[in-house]
């Protein structure tokens, strides 16, 4: 991907961008369907909160590993590291809380409806947002 030279035509770059868009859309679609499958599968009924904890545990571990690596790399390069929550103000906490609420809502949609309902809701939100913000 990085081997594309500067003398490549615009058509090649557009085609490569189209391929990336298709790949990312496919990954997103498969992830949504698999997430729905994981939430709805299982023999014993369990709470939505427990299933969320199971689904997002690995994401938390991956983010923690990335955080530790970046801190170690910064210290090795002599860069001063600040606290874990340095720079978090009320706006950042609001974004964190709203994203957490959004995750719960999406999980409830997957648990009690289909992935298609989530796609329609996201499309509706994208279309409605400009009118509300104007």
C-alpha atoms as a PDB file:
ATOM      1  CA  UNK A   1       0.000   0.000   0.000  1.00  0.00           C
ATOM      2  CA  UNK A   2       2.809   2.380   0.796  1.00  0.00           C
ATOM      3  CA  UNK A   3       4.544   1.378  -2.440  1.00  0.00           C
ATOM      4  CA  UNK A   4       2.353   3.683  -4.514  1.00  0.00           C
ATOM      5  CA  UNK A   5       4.658   6.267  -6.007  1.00  0.00           C
ATOM      6  CA  UNK A   6       3.864   9.915  -6.462  1.00  0.00           C
ATOM      7  CA  UNK A   7       3.672   9.465 -10.232  1.00  0.00           C
ATOM      8  CA  UNK A   8       0.698   7.096  -9.999  1.00  0.00           C
ATOM      9  CA  UNK A   9      -2.448   8.319 -11.667  1.00  0.00           C
ATOM     10  CA  UNK A  10      -5.424   9.646  -9.784  1.00  0.00           C
ATOM     11  CA  UNK A  11      -7.477   6.702 -11.022  1.00  0.00           C
ATOM     12  CA  UNK A  12      -5.189   4.242  -9.246  1.00  0.00           C
ATOM     13  CA  UNK A  13      -5.520   6.147  -5.985  1.00  0.00           C
ATOM     14  CA  UNK A  14      -9.294   6.327  -6.329  1.00  0.00           C
ATOM     15  CA  UNK A  15      -9.456   2.592  -7.008  1.00  0.00           C
ATOM     16  CA  UNK A  16      -7.239   1.861  -4.008  1.00  0.00           C
ATOM     17  CA  UNK A  17      -9.424   4.115  -1.866  1.00  0.00           C
ATOM     18  CA  UNK A  18     -12.495   2.291  -3.124  1.00  0.00           C
ATOM     19  CA  UNK A  19     -10.945  -1.070  -2.233  1.00  0.00           C
ATOM     20  CA  UNK A  20     -10.117   0.173   1.275  1.00  0.00           C
ATOM     21  CA  UNK A  21     -13.660   1.499   1.675  1.00  0.00           C
ATOM     22  CA  UNK A  22     -15.104  -1.872   0.631  1.00  0.00           C
ATOM     23  CA  UNK A  23     -12.777  -3.749   2.984  1.00  0.00           C
ATOM     24  CA  UNK A  24     -13.580  -1.521   5.956  1.00  0.00           C
ATOM     25  CA  UNK A  25     -17.318  -1.640   5.251  1.00  0.00           C
ATOM     26  CA  UNK A  26     -17.178  -5.424   5.070  1.00  0.00           C
ATOM     27  CA  UNK A  27     -15.260  -5.631   8.341  1.00  0.00           C
ATOM     28  CA  UNK A  28     -17.775  -3.333  10.011  1.00  0.00           C
ATOM     29  CA  UNK A  29     -20.718  -5.362   8.703  1.00  0.00           C
ATOM     30  CA  UNK A  30     -19.216  -8.680   9.767  1.00  0.00           C
ATOM     31  CA  UNK A  31     -18.343  -7.255  13.190  1.00  0.00           C
ATOM     32  CA  UNK A  32     -21.905  -6.046  13.681  1.00  0.00           C
ATOM     33  CA  UNK A  33     -23.397  -9.390  12.740  1.00  0.00           C
ATOM     34  CA  UNK A  34     -20.901 -11.307  14.886  1.00  0.00           C
ATOM     35  CA  UNK A  35     -21.532  -8.959  17.818  1.00  0.00           C
ATOM     36  CA  UNK A  36     -25.262  -9.625  17.478  1.00  0.00           C
ATOM     37  CA  UNK A  37     -24.591 -13.368  17.332  1.00  0.00           C
ATOM     38  CA  UNK A  38     -22.508 -13.237  20.504  1.00  0.00           C
ATOM     39  CA  UNK A  39     -25.126 -11.227  22.376  1.00  0.00           C
ATOM     40  CA  UNK A  40     -27.977 -13.524  21.355  1.00  0.00           C
ATOM     41  CA  UNK A  41     -26.149 -16.834  21.734  1.00  0.00           C
ATOM     42  CA  UNK A  42     -25.579 -18.765  24.889  1.00  0.00           C
ATOM     43  CA  UNK A  43     -27.452 -21.462  26.694  1.00  0.00           C
ATOM     44  CA  UNK A  44     -27.995 -19.810  30.069  1.00  0.00           C
ATOM     45  CA  UNK A  45     -29.773 -16.471  30.070  1.00  0.00           C
ATOM     46  CA  UNK A  46     -27.510 -13.755  31.358  1.00  0.00           C
ATOM     47  CA  UNK A  47     -27.835 -10.040  31.780  1.00  0.00           C
ATOM     48  CA  UNK A  48     -26.985  -7.577  29.066  1.00  0.00           C
ATOM     49  CA  UNK A  49     -24.356  -5.989  31.306  1.00  0.00           C
ATOM     50  CA  UNK A  50     -22.545  -9.323  31.766  1.00  0.00           C
ATOM     51  CA  UNK A  51     -22.539  -9.986  28.024  1.00  0.00           C
ATOM     52  CA  UNK A  52     -21.152  -6.487  27.421  1.00  0.00           C
ATOM     53  CA  UNK A  53     -18.368  -7.162  29.889  1.00  0.00           C
ATOM     54  CA  UNK A  54     -17.522 -10.381  28.083  1.00  0.00           C
ATOM     55  CA  UNK A  55     -17.559  -8.746  24.644  1.00  0.00           C
ATOM     56  CA  UNK A  56     -15.479  -5.688  25.508  1.00  0.00           C
ATOM     57  CA  UNK A  57     -12.936  -7.298  27.827  1.00  0.00           C
ATOM     58  CA  UNK A  58     -10.445  -7.886  25.028  1.00  0.00           C
ATOM     59  CA  UNK A  59     -10.773  -4.329  23.751  1.00  0.00           C
ATOM     60  CA  UNK A  60      -9.901  -3.084  27.214  1.00  0.00           C
ATOM     61  CA  UNK A  61      -6.881  -5.369  27.392  1.00  0.00           C
ATOM     62  CA  UNK A  62      -5.682  -4.239  23.949  1.00  0.00           C
ATOM     63  CA  UNK A  63      -6.036  -0.558  24.905  1.00  0.00           C
ATOM     64  CA  UNK A  64      -4.177  -1.138  28.164  1.00  0.00           C
ATOM     65  CA  UNK A  65      -1.308  -2.872  26.368  1.00  0.00           C
ATOM     66  CA  UNK A  66      -1.133   0.019  23.900  1.00  0.00           C
ATOM     67  CA  UNK A  67      -1.110   2.524  26.762  1.00  0.00           C
ATOM     68  CA  UNK A  68       1.679   0.741  28.627  1.00  0.00           C
ATOM     69  CA  UNK A  69       3.745   0.411  25.445  1.00  0.00           C
ATOM     70  CA  UNK A  70       3.389   4.098  24.604  1.00  0.00           C
ATOM     71  CA  UNK A  71       4.365   5.086  28.164  1.00  0.00           C
ATOM     72  CA  UNK A  72       7.448   2.864  28.088  1.00  0.00           C
ATOM     73  CA  UNK A  73       8.428   4.180  24.662  1.00  0.00           C
ATOM     74  CA  UNK A  74       7.993   7.782  25.834  1.00  0.00           C
ATOM     75  CA  UNK A  75      10.150   7.190  28.905  1.00  0.00           C
ATOM     76  CA  UNK A  76      12.810   5.493  26.786  1.00  0.00           C
ATOM     77  CA  UNK A  77      12.933   8.582  24.556  1.00  0.00           C
ATOM     78  CA  UNK A  78      13.167  10.910  27.532  1.00  0.00           C
ATOM     79  CA  UNK A  79       9.667  12.373  27.136  1.00  0.00           C
ATOM     80  CA  UNK A  80       7.959  13.404  30.363  1.00  0.00           C
ATOM     81  CA  UNK A  81       4.779  11.415  30.970  1.00  0.00           C
ATOM     82  CA  UNK A  82       1.837  12.911  32.787  1.00  0.00           C
ATOM     83  CA  UNK A  83      -0.915  11.202  34.749  1.00  0.00           C
ATOM     84  CA  UNK A  84      -3.381   8.765  33.239  1.00  0.00           C
ATOM     85  CA  UNK A  85      -6.269  11.250  33.248  1.00  0.00           C
ATOM     86  CA  UNK A  86      -4.243  14.393  32.545  1.00  0.00           C
ATOM     87  CA  UNK A  87      -6.244  16.834  30.466  1.00  0.00           C
ATOM     88  CA  UNK A  88      -9.637  15.288  31.208  1.00  0.00           C
ATOM     89  CA  UNK A  89     -12.081  18.103  31.799  1.00  0.00           C
ATOM     90  CA  UNK A  90     -15.879  18.141  32.019  1.00  0.00           C
ATOM     91  CA  UNK A  91     -16.235  17.939  28.238  1.00  0.00           C
ATOM     92  CA  UNK A  92     -14.034  14.823  28.016  1.00  0.00           C
ATOM     93  CA  UNK A  93     -15.960  13.143  30.845  1.00  0.00           C
ATOM     94  CA  UNK A  94     -19.199  13.997  29.061  1.00  0.00           C
ATOM     95  CA  UNK A  95     -17.943  12.345  25.880  1.00  0.00           C
ATOM     96  CA  UNK A  96     -16.872   9.246  27.840  1.00  0.00           C
ATOM     97  CA  UNK A  97     -20.248   8.968  29.574  1.00  0.00           C
ATOM     98  CA  UNK A  98     -22.215   9.498  26.361  1.00  0.00           C
ATOM     99  CA  UNK A  99     -20.133   6.872  24.539  1.00  0.00           C
ATOM    100  CA  UNK A 100     -20.755   4.440  27.387  1.00  0.00           C
ATOM    101  CA  UNK A 101     -24.486   5.130  27.166  1.00  0.00           C
ATOM    102  CA  UNK A 102     -24.360   4.702  23.399  1.00  0.00           C
ATOM    103  CA  UNK A 103     -22.658   1.318  23.844  1.00  0.00           C
ATOM    104  CA  UNK A 104     -25.424   0.188  26.203  1.00  0.00           C
ATOM    105  CA  UNK A 105     -28.110   1.341  23.771  1.00  0.00           C
ATOM    106  CA  UNK A 106     -26.466  -0.449  20.835  1.00  0.00           C
ATOM    107  CA  UNK A 107     -26.114  -3.629  22.891  1.00  0.00           C
ATOM    108  CA  UNK A 108     -29.791  -3.448  23.826  1.00  0.00           C
ATOM    109  CA  UNK A 109     -30.661  -3.038  20.147  1.00  0.00           C
ATOM    110  CA  UNK A 110     -28.568  -6.103  19.288  1.00  0.00           C
ATOM    111  CA  UNK A 111     -30.090  -8.073  22.149  1.00  0.00           C
ATOM    112  CA  UNK A 112     -33.728  -7.314  21.408  1.00  0.00           C
ATOM    113  CA  UNK A 113     -33.726  -6.408  17.697  1.00  0.00           C
ATOM    114  CA  UNK A 114     -31.518  -7.003  14.657  1.00  0.00           C
ATOM    115  CA  UNK A 115     -28.390  -5.517  13.157  1.00  0.00           C
ATOM    116  CA  UNK A 116     -30.574  -3.996  10.431  1.00  0.00           C
ATOM    117  CA  UNK A 117     -32.424  -1.913  13.042  1.00  0.00           C
ATOM    118  CA  UNK A 118     -29.078  -0.552  14.244  1.00  0.00           C
ATOM    119  CA  UNK A 119     -28.077   0.364  10.689  1.00  0.00           C
ATOM    120  CA  UNK A 120     -31.389   2.163  10.097  1.00  0.00           C
ATOM    121  CA  UNK A 121     -31.065   3.991  13.430  1.00  0.00           C
ATOM    122  CA  UNK A 122     -27.507   5.107  12.613  1.00  0.00           C
ATOM    123  CA  UNK A 123     -28.578   6.262   9.133  1.00  0.00           C
ATOM    124  CA  UNK A 124     -31.516   8.150  10.603  1.00  0.00           C
ATOM    125  CA  UNK A 125     -29.250   9.803  13.152  1.00  0.00           C
ATOM    126  CA  UNK A 126     -26.844  10.907  10.433  1.00  0.00           C
ATOM    127  CA  UNK A 127     -29.699  12.408   8.417  1.00  0.00           C
ATOM    128  CA  UNK A 128     -31.361  14.030  11.455  1.00  0.00           C
ATOM    129  CA  UNK A 129     -28.251  15.542  13.056  1.00  0.00           C
ATOM    130  CA  UNK A 130     -27.813  18.477  10.626  1.00  0.00           C
ATOM    131  CA  UNK A 131     -31.425  19.539  11.119  1.00  0.00           C
ATOM    132  CA  UNK A 132     -31.185  19.430  14.913  1.00  0.00           C
ATOM    133  CA  UNK A 133     -27.869  21.260  15.035  1.00  0.00           C
ATOM    134  CA  UNK A 134     -28.967  24.041  12.660  1.00  0.00           C
END
